[in-house]
């Protein structure tokens, strides 16, 4: 009896194209032991959008803070604005 080895899953830096090509040819059922549950937050039906301009240094700081909080810069910016409004 031979044990079939499976290809490693794409890394977190994989492009959408690379992910699509991988999952087009592989079954998620073969990788259940490697998957982790994630928390998903759904936001309200938001109706307004605000555009802000940041210089490179400000954007870098926002990006670094977002990475530390494991979120994206848009979510962090919204969170910071809402905190300030309270």
PDB file of N, CA and C in Angstrom:
ATOM      1  N   UNK A   1       0.848  -1.176   0.000  1.00  0.00           N
ATOM      2  CA  UNK A   1       0.000   0.000   0.000  1.00  0.00           C
ATOM      3  C   UNK A   1       0.894   1.241   0.000  1.00  0.00           C
ATOM      4  N   UNK A   2       0.744   2.093  -0.995  1.00  0.00           N
ATOM      5  CA  UNK A   2       1.542   3.307  -1.067  1.00  0.00           C
ATOM      6  C   UNK A   2       0.717   4.494  -0.611  1.00  0.00           C
ATOM      7  N   UNK A   3       1.342   5.365   0.104  1.00  0.00           N
ATOM      8  CA  UNK A   3       0.659   6.550   0.603  1.00  0.00           C
ATOM      9  C   UNK A   3       0.895   7.688  -0.378  1.00  0.00           C
ATOM     10  N   UNK A   4      -0.176   8.287  -0.834  1.00  0.00           N
ATOM     11  CA  UNK A   4      -0.078   9.389  -1.777  1.00  0.00           C
ATOM     12  C   UNK A   4       0.307  10.663  -1.020  1.00  0.00           C
ATOM     13  N   UNK A   5       1.343  11.342  -1.482  1.00  0.00           N
ATOM     14  CA  UNK A   5       1.721  12.604  -0.857  1.00  0.00           C
ATOM     15  C   UNK A   5       0.966  13.724  -1.548  1.00  0.00           C
ATOM     16  N   UNK A   6       0.636  14.737  -0.782  1.00  0.00           N
ATOM     17  CA  UNK A   6      -0.119  15.846  -1.365  1.00  0.00           C
ATOM     18  C   UNK A   6       0.791  17.051  -1.550  1.00  0.00           C
ATOM     19  N   UNK A   7       0.436  17.861  -2.523  1.00  0.00           N
ATOM     20  CA  UNK A   7       1.184  19.089  -2.782  1.00  0.00           C
ATOM     21  C   UNK A   7       0.968  20.059  -1.639  1.00  0.00           C
ATOM     22  N   UNK A   8       1.984  20.848  -1.276  1.00  0.00           N
ATOM     23  CA  UNK A   8       1.773  21.846  -0.231  1.00  0.00           C
ATOM     24  C   UNK A   8       0.815  22.932  -0.714  1.00  0.00           C
ATOM     25  N   UNK A   9       0.013  23.462   0.216  1.00  0.00           N
ATOM     26  CA  UNK A   9      -0.895  24.553  -0.128  1.00  0.00           C
ATOM     27  C   UNK A   9      -0.067  25.791  -0.468  1.00  0.00           C
ATOM     28  N   UNK A  10      -0.607  26.672  -1.313  1.00  0.00           N
ATOM     29  CA  UNK A  10       0.098  27.914  -1.626  1.00  0.00           C
ATOM     30  C   UNK A  10       0.307  28.733  -0.352  1.00  0.00           C
ATOM     31  N   UNK A  11       1.406  29.474  -0.321  1.00  0.00           N
ATOM     32  CA  UNK A  11       1.715  30.310   0.839  1.00  0.00           C
ATOM     33  C   UNK A  11       0.849  31.551   0.888  1.00  0.00           C
ATOM     34  N   UNK A  12       0.957  32.291   1.983  1.00  0.00           N
ATOM     35  CA  UNK A  12       0.102  33.467   2.149  1.00  0.00           C
ATOM     36  C   UNK A  12       0.446  34.592   1.181  1.00  0.00           C
ATOM     37  N   UNK A  13       1.559  34.510   0.499  1.00  0.00           N
ATOM     38  CA  UNK A  13       1.917  35.527  -0.491  1.00  0.00           C
ATOM     39  C   UNK A  13       1.523  35.131  -1.910  1.00  0.00           C
ATOM     40  N   UNK A  14       0.784  34.037  -2.038  1.00  0.00           N
ATOM     41  CA  UNK A  14       0.361  33.576  -3.367  1.00  0.00           C
ATOM     42  C   UNK A  14      -0.613  34.581  -3.981  1.00  0.00           C
ATOM     43  N   UNK A  15      -0.551  34.721  -5.281  1.00  0.00           N
ATOM     44  CA  UNK A  15      -1.468  35.615  -5.984  1.00  0.00           C
ATOM     45  C   UNK A  15      -2.828  34.934  -6.119  1.00  0.00           C
ATOM     46  N   UNK A  16      -3.847  35.714  -6.467  1.00  0.00           N
ATOM     47  CA  UNK A  16      -5.172  35.137  -6.692  1.00  0.00           C
ATOM     48  C   UNK A  16      -5.124  34.112  -7.815  1.00  0.00           C
ATOM     49  N   UNK A  17      -4.347  34.404  -8.831  1.00  0.00           N
ATOM     50  CA  UNK A  17      -4.210  33.486  -9.959  1.00  0.00           C
ATOM     51  C   UNK A  17      -3.604  32.160  -9.502  1.00  0.00           C
ATOM     52  N   UNK A  18      -2.545  32.228  -8.693  1.00  0.00           N
ATOM     53  CA  UNK A  18      -1.909  31.006  -8.192  1.00  0.00           C
ATOM     54  C   UNK A  18      -2.878  30.207  -7.313  1.00  0.00           C
ATOM     55  N   UNK A  19      -3.633  30.898  -6.470  1.00  0.00           N
ATOM     56  CA  UNK A  19      -4.618  30.215  -5.627  1.00  0.00           C
ATOM     57  C   UNK A  19      -5.695  29.545  -6.475  1.00  0.00           C
ATOM     58  N   UNK A  20      -6.185  30.278  -7.472  1.00  0.00           N
ATOM     59  CA  UNK A  20      -7.228  29.725  -8.340  1.00  0.00           C
ATOM     60  C   UNK A  20      -6.728  28.481  -9.066  1.00  0.00           C
ATOM     61  N   UNK A  21      -5.516  28.549  -9.593  1.00  0.00           N
ATOM     62  CA  UNK A  21      -4.961  27.397 -10.314  1.00  0.00           C
ATOM     63  C   UNK A  21      -4.781  26.203  -9.381  1.00  0.00           C
ATOM     64  N   UNK A  22      -4.341  26.455  -8.146  1.00  0.00           N
ATOM     65  CA  UNK A  22      -4.152  25.360  -7.196  1.00  0.00           C
ATOM     66  C   UNK A  22      -5.481  24.699  -6.860  1.00  0.00           C
ATOM     67  N   UNK A  23      -6.486  25.509  -6.453  1.00  0.00           N
ATOM     68  CA  UNK A  23      -7.764  24.937  -6.017  1.00  0.00           C
ATOM     69  C   UNK A  23      -8.598  24.399  -7.172  1.00  0.00           C
ATOM     70  N   UNK A  24      -8.275  24.791  -8.396  1.00  0.00           N
ATOM     71  CA  UNK A  24      -8.939  24.191  -9.561  1.00  0.00           C
ATOM     72  C   UNK A  24      -8.525  22.731  -9.738  1.00  0.00           C
ATOM     73  N   UNK A  25      -7.368  22.387  -9.205  1.00  0.00           N
ATOM     74  CA  UNK A  25      -6.836  21.036  -9.417  1.00  0.00           C
ATOM     75  C   UNK A  25      -6.680  20.234  -8.127  1.00  0.00           C
ATOM     76  N   UNK A  26      -7.113  20.783  -6.990  1.00  0.00           N
ATOM     77  CA  UNK A  26      -6.989  20.094  -5.709  1.00  0.00           C
ATOM     78  C   UNK A  26      -8.318  20.164  -4.960  1.00  0.00           C
ATOM     79  N   UNK A  27      -8.537  19.204  -4.070  1.00  0.00           N
ATOM     80  CA  UNK A  27      -9.757  19.171  -3.261  1.00  0.00           C
ATOM     81  C   UNK A  27      -9.457  19.694  -1.856  1.00  0.00           C
ATOM     82  N   UNK A  28     -10.300  20.584  -1.369  1.00  0.00           N
ATOM     83  CA  UNK A  28     -10.128  21.104  -0.014  1.00  0.00           C
ATOM     84  C   UNK A  28     -10.252  19.973   1.009  1.00  0.00           C
ATOM     85  N   UNK A  29     -10.974  18.926   0.674  1.00  0.00           N
ATOM     86  CA  UNK A  29     -11.138  17.783   1.577  1.00  0.00           C
ATOM     87  C   UNK A  29      -9.793  17.147   1.927  1.00  0.00           C
ATOM     88  N   UNK A  30      -8.829  17.243   1.029  1.00  0.00           N
ATOM     89  CA  UNK A  30      -7.501  16.672   1.279  1.00  0.00           C
ATOM     90  C   UNK A  30      -6.664  17.532   2.226  1.00  0.00           C
ATOM     91  N   UNK A  31      -7.138  18.743   2.553  1.00  0.00           N
ATOM     92  CA  UNK A  31      -6.344  19.694   3.340  1.00  0.00           C
ATOM     93  C   UNK A  31      -7.051  20.128   4.622  1.00  0.00           C
ATOM     94  N   UNK A  32      -8.112  19.446   5.008  1.00  0.00           N
ATOM     95  CA  UNK A  32      -8.875  19.850   6.189  1.00  0.00           C
ATOM     96  C   UNK A  32      -8.015  19.895   7.450  1.00  0.00           C
ATOM     97  N   UNK A  33      -7.041  18.999   7.561  1.00  0.00           N
ATOM     98  CA  UNK A  33      -6.190  18.965   8.749  1.00  0.00           C
ATOM     99  C   UNK A  33      -5.241  20.175   8.826  1.00  0.00           C
ATOM    100  N   UNK A  34      -5.093  20.918   7.734  1.00  0.00           N
ATOM    101  CA  UNK A  34      -4.197  22.073   7.711  1.00  0.00           C
ATOM    102  C   UNK A  34      -4.935  23.412   7.813  1.00  0.00           C
ATOM    103  N   UNK A  35      -6.258  23.374   7.761  1.00  0.00           N
ATOM    104  CA  UNK A  35      -7.037  24.608   7.774  1.00  0.00           C
ATOM    105  C   UNK A  35      -7.368  25.027   9.199  1.00  0.00           C
ATOM    106  N   UNK A  36      -7.488  26.337   9.402  1.00  0.00           N
ATOM    107  CA  UNK A  36      -7.820  26.883  10.713  1.00  0.00           C
ATOM    108  C   UNK A  36      -9.108  27.688  10.602  1.00  0.00           C
ATOM    109  N   UNK A  37      -9.954  27.655  11.636  1.00  0.00           N
ATOM    110  CA  UNK A  37     -11.155  28.482  11.591  1.00  0.00           C
ATOM    111  C   UNK A  37     -10.780  29.965  11.660  1.00  0.00           C
ATOM    112  N   UNK A  38     -11.567  30.795  11.035  1.00  0.00           N
ATOM    113  CA  UNK A  38     -11.331  32.241  11.076  1.00  0.00           C
ATOM    114  C   UNK A  38     -12.589  32.938  11.563  1.00  0.00           C
ATOM    115  N   UNK A  39     -12.395  34.082  12.206  1.00  0.00           N
ATOM    116  CA  UNK A  39     -13.519  34.881  12.655  1.00  0.00           C
ATOM    117  C   UNK A  39     -13.880  35.846  11.528  1.00  0.00           C
ATOM    118  N   UNK A  40     -15.150  35.901  11.195  1.00  0.00           N
ATOM    119  CA  UNK A  40     -15.613  36.778  10.128  1.00  0.00           C
ATOM    120  C   UNK A  40     -16.562  37.801  10.725  1.00  0.00           C
ATOM    121  N   UNK A  41     -16.307  39.073  10.436  1.00  0.00           N
ATOM    122  CA  UNK A  41     -17.187  40.146  10.873  1.00  0.00           C
ATOM    123  C   UNK A  41     -17.872  40.733   9.656  1.00  0.00           C
ATOM    124  N   UNK A  42     -19.177  40.844   9.727  1.00  0.00           N
ATOM    125  CA  UNK A  42     -19.934  41.462   8.656  1.00  0.00           C
ATOM    126  C   UNK A  42     -20.330  42.858   9.100  1.00  0.00           C
ATOM    127  N   UNK A  43     -20.042  43.825   8.272  1.00  0.00           N
ATOM    128  CA  UNK A  43     -20.413  45.189   8.634  1.00  0.00           C
ATOM    129  C   UNK A  43     -21.826  45.488   8.178  1.00  0.00           C
ATOM    130  N   UNK A  44     -22.373  46.525   8.772  1.00  0.00           N
ATOM    131  CA  UNK A  44     -23.721  46.962   8.420  1.00  0.00           C
ATOM    132  C   UNK A  44     -23.748  47.358   6.947  1.00  0.00           C
ATOM    133  N   UNK A  45     -24.935  47.537   6.437  1.00  0.00           N
ATOM    134  CA  UNK A  45     -25.074  47.992   5.067  1.00  0.00           C
ATOM    135  C   UNK A  45     -24.666  49.465   5.012  1.00  0.00           C
ATOM    136  N   UNK A  46     -23.400  49.705   4.792  1.00  0.00           N
ATOM    137  CA  UNK A  46     -22.872  51.067   4.808  1.00  0.00           C
ATOM    138  C   UNK A  46     -23.239  51.785   3.520  1.00  0.00           C
ATOM    139  N   UNK A  47     -23.562  53.069   3.637  1.00  0.00           N
ATOM    140  CA  UNK A  47     -24.043  53.807   2.480  1.00  0.00           C
ATOM    141  C   UNK A  47     -23.180  54.993   2.099  1.00  0.00           C
ATOM    142  N   UNK A  48     -22.189  55.311   2.910  1.00  0.00           N
ATOM    143  CA  UNK A  48     -21.381  56.494   2.634  1.00  0.00           C
ATOM    144  C   UNK A  48     -19.908  56.112   2.578  1.00  0.00           C
ATOM    145  N   UNK A  49     -19.211  56.805   1.737  1.00  0.00           N
ATOM    146  CA  UNK A  49     -17.787  56.554   1.570  1.00  0.00           C
ATOM    147  C   UNK A  49     -17.052  57.875   1.716  1.00  0.00           C
ATOM    148  N   UNK A  50     -15.898  57.831   2.397  1.00  0.00           N
ATOM    149  CA  UNK A  50     -15.074  59.020   2.585  1.00  0.00           C
ATOM    150  C   UNK A  50     -13.705  58.727   1.983  1.00  0.00           C
ATOM    151  N   UNK A  51     -13.209  59.653   1.245  1.00  0.00           N
ATOM    152  CA  UNK A  51     -11.879  59.502   0.655  1.00  0.00           C
ATOM    153  C   UNK A  51     -10.921  60.443   1.376  1.00  0.00           C
ATOM    154  N   UNK A  52      -9.798  59.897   1.838  1.00  0.00           N
ATOM    155  CA  UNK A  52      -8.791  60.721   2.507  1.00  0.00           C
ATOM    156  C   UNK A  52      -7.458  60.556   1.792  1.00  0.00           C
ATOM    157  N   UNK A  53      -6.622  61.548   1.933  1.00  0.00           N
ATOM    158  CA  UNK A  53      -5.305  61.513   1.312  1.00  0.00           C
ATOM    159  C   UNK A  53      -4.245  61.488   2.408  1.00  0.00           C
ATOM    160  N   UNK A  54      -3.310  60.552   2.297  1.00  0.00           N
ATOM    161  CA  UNK A  54      -2.218  60.425   3.254  1.00  0.00           C
ATOM    162  C   UNK A  54      -0.901  60.492   2.510  1.00  0.00           C
ATOM    163  N   UNK A  55       0.125  61.039   3.172  1.00  0.00           N
ATOM    164  CA  UNK A  55       1.449  61.012   2.548  1.00  0.00           C
ATOM    165  C   UNK A  55       2.058  59.625   2.768  1.00  0.00           C
ATOM    166  N   UNK A  56       3.189  59.377   2.175  1.00  0.00           N
ATOM    167  CA  UNK A  56       3.814  58.043   2.227  1.00  0.00           C
ATOM    168  C   UNK A  56       4.117  57.609   3.651  1.00  0.00           C
ATOM    169  N   UNK A  57       4.594  58.529   4.476  1.00  0.00           N
ATOM    170  CA  UNK A  57       4.944  58.199   5.853  1.00  0.00           C
ATOM    171  C   UNK A  57       3.690  57.831   6.658  1.00  0.00           C
ATOM    172  N   UNK A  58       2.620  58.594   6.485  1.00  0.00           N
ATOM    173  CA  UNK A  58       1.366  58.309   7.186  1.00  0.00           C
ATOM    174  C   UNK A  58       0.791  56.965   6.741  1.00  0.00           C
ATOM    175  N   UNK A  59       0.852  56.704   5.457  1.00  0.00           N
ATOM    176  CA  UNK A  59       0.340  55.445   4.924  1.00  0.00           C
ATOM    177  C   UNK A  59       1.147  54.265   5.463  1.00  0.00           C
ATOM    178  N   UNK A  60       2.455  54.438   5.552  1.00  0.00           N
ATOM    179  CA  UNK A  60       3.324  53.382   6.080  1.00  0.00           C
ATOM    180  C   UNK A  60       2.966  53.084   7.535  1.00  0.00           C
ATOM    181  N   UNK A  61       2.759  54.130   8.334  1.00  0.00           N
ATOM    182  CA  UNK A  61       2.391  53.942   9.740  1.00  0.00           C
ATOM    183  C   UNK A  61       1.050  53.225   9.867  1.00  0.00           C
ATOM    184  N   UNK A  62       0.089  53.634   9.060  1.00  0.00           N
ATOM    185  CA  UNK A  62      -1.230  53.004   9.096  1.00  0.00           C
ATOM    186  C   UNK A  62      -1.129  51.534   8.704  1.00  0.00           C
ATOM    187  N   UNK A  63      -0.349  51.256   7.684  1.00  0.00           N
ATOM    188  CA  UNK A  63      -0.161  49.883   7.225  1.00  0.00           C
ATOM    189  C   UNK A  63       0.514  49.032   8.301  1.00  0.00           C
ATOM    190  N   UNK A  64       1.527  49.575   8.974  1.00  0.00           N
ATOM    191  CA  UNK A  64       2.229  48.842  10.036  1.00  0.00           C
ATOM    192  C   UNK A  64       1.278  48.530  11.190  1.00  0.00           C
ATOM    193  N   UNK A  65       0.458  49.514  11.590  1.00  0.00           N
ATOM    194  CA  UNK A  65      -0.507  49.285  12.671  1.00  0.00           C
ATOM    195  C   UNK A  65      -1.537  48.242  12.265  1.00  0.00           C
ATOM    196  N   UNK A  66      -1.995  48.310  11.037  1.00  0.00           N
ATOM    197  CA  UNK A  66      -2.978  47.337  10.551  1.00  0.00           C
ATOM    198  C   UNK A  66      -2.382  45.931  10.574  1.00  0.00           C
ATOM    199  N   UNK A  67      -1.143  45.795  10.124  1.00  0.00           N
ATOM    200  CA  UNK A  67      -0.499  44.480  10.129  1.00  0.00           C
ATOM    201  C   UNK A  67      -0.356  43.938  11.547  1.00  0.00           C
ATOM    202  N   UNK A  68      -0.009  44.805  12.504  1.00  0.00           N
ATOM    203  CA  UNK A  68       0.114  44.369  13.897  1.00  0.00           C
ATOM    204  C   UNK A  68      -1.224  43.882  14.440  1.00  0.00           C
ATOM    205  N   UNK A  69      -2.316  44.523  14.010  1.00  0.00           N
ATOM    206  CA  UNK A  69      -3.653  44.139  14.471  1.00  0.00           C
ATOM    207  C   UNK A  69      -4.272  43.043  13.606  1.00  0.00           C
ATOM    208  N   UNK A  70      -3.503  42.606  12.579  1.00  0.00           N
ATOM    209  CA  UNK A  70      -3.963  41.567  11.647  1.00  0.00           C
ATOM    210  C   UNK A  70      -5.281  41.970  10.984  1.00  0.00           C
ATOM    211  N   UNK A  71      -5.296  43.201  10.490  1.00  0.00           N
ATOM    212  CA  UNK A  71      -6.455  43.711   9.768  1.00  0.00           C
ATOM    213  C   UNK A  71      -5.949  44.480   8.555  1.00  0.00           C
ATOM    214  N   UNK A  72      -6.847  45.059   7.792  1.00  0.00           N
ATOM    215  CA  UNK A  72      -6.412  45.856   6.641  1.00  0.00           C
ATOM    216  C   UNK A  72      -6.512  47.337   6.983  1.00  0.00           C
ATOM    217  N   UNK A  73      -5.899  48.168   6.160  1.00  0.00           N
ATOM    218  CA  UNK A  73      -5.825  49.594   6.482  1.00  0.00           C
ATOM    219  C   UNK A  73      -7.186  50.274   6.455  1.00  0.00           C
ATOM    220  N   UNK A  74      -8.081  49.837   5.597  1.00  0.00           N
ATOM    221  CA  UNK A  74      -9.413  50.453   5.529  1.00  0.00           C
ATOM    222  C   UNK A  74     -10.180  50.179   6.821  1.00  0.00           C
ATOM    223  N   UNK A  75     -10.150  48.940   7.288  1.00  0.00           N
ATOM    224  CA  UNK A  75     -10.838  48.593   8.534  1.00  0.00           C
ATOM    225  C   UNK A  75     -10.239  49.336   9.720  1.00  0.00           C
ATOM    226  N   UNK A  76      -8.918  49.424   9.745  1.00  0.00           N
ATOM    227  CA  UNK A  76      -8.267  50.146  10.842  1.00  0.00           C
ATOM    228  C   UNK A  76      -8.614  51.625  10.806  1.00  0.00           C
ATOM    229  N   UNK A  77      -8.582  52.241   9.644  1.00  0.00           N
ATOM    230  CA  UNK A  77      -8.919  53.661   9.523  1.00  0.00           C
ATOM    231  C   UNK A  77     -10.351  53.901   9.998  1.00  0.00           C
ATOM    232  N   UNK A  78     -11.277  53.032   9.616  1.00  0.00           N
ATOM    233  CA  UNK A  78     -12.670  53.166  10.054  1.00  0.00           C
ATOM    234  C   UNK A  78     -12.758  53.046  11.567  1.00  0.00           C
ATOM    235  N   UNK A  79     -12.062  52.050  12.125  1.00  0.00           N
ATOM    236  CA  UNK A  79     -12.065  51.842  13.572  1.00  0.00           C
ATOM    237  C   UNK A  79     -11.539  53.082  14.302  1.00  0.00           C
ATOM    238  N   UNK A  80     -10.434  53.653  13.812  1.00  0.00           N
ATOM    239  CA  UNK A  80      -9.855  54.832  14.444  1.00  0.00           C
ATOM    240  C   UNK A  80     -10.793  56.035  14.383  1.00  0.00           C
ATOM    241  N   UNK A  81     -11.457  56.218  13.256  1.00  0.00           N
ATOM    242  CA  UNK A  81     -12.404  57.331  13.108  1.00  0.00           C
ATOM    243  C   UNK A  81     -13.577  57.150  14.070  1.00  0.00           C
ATOM    244  N   UNK A  82     -14.120  55.922  14.132  1.00  0.00           N
ATOM    245  CA  UNK A  82     -15.249  55.665  15.034  1.00  0.00           C
ATOM    246  C   UNK A  82     -14.858  55.866  16.501  1.00  0.00           C
ATOM    247  N   UNK A  83     -13.656  55.452  16.887  1.00  0.00           N
ATOM    248  CA  UNK A  83     -13.165  55.673  18.244  1.00  0.00           C
ATOM    249  C   UNK A  83     -13.089  57.159  18.548  1.00  0.00           C
ATOM    250  N   UNK A  84     -12.599  57.935  17.608  1.00  0.00           N
ATOM    251  CA  UNK A  84     -12.472  59.379  17.801  1.00  0.00           C
ATOM    252  C   UNK A  84     -13.847  60.043  17.924  1.00  0.00           C
ATOM    253  N   UNK A  85     -14.832  59.550  17.224  1.00  0.00           N
ATOM    254  CA  UNK A  85     -16.169  60.139  17.271  1.00  0.00           C
ATOM    255  C   UNK A  85     -16.878  59.850  18.584  1.00  0.00           C
ATOM    256  N   UNK A  86     -16.507  58.788  19.277  1.00  0.00           N
ATOM    257  CA  UNK A  86     -17.139  58.465  20.562  1.00  0.00           C
ATOM    258  C   UNK A  86     -16.527  59.353  21.597  1.00  0.00           C
TER     259      UNK A  86
END
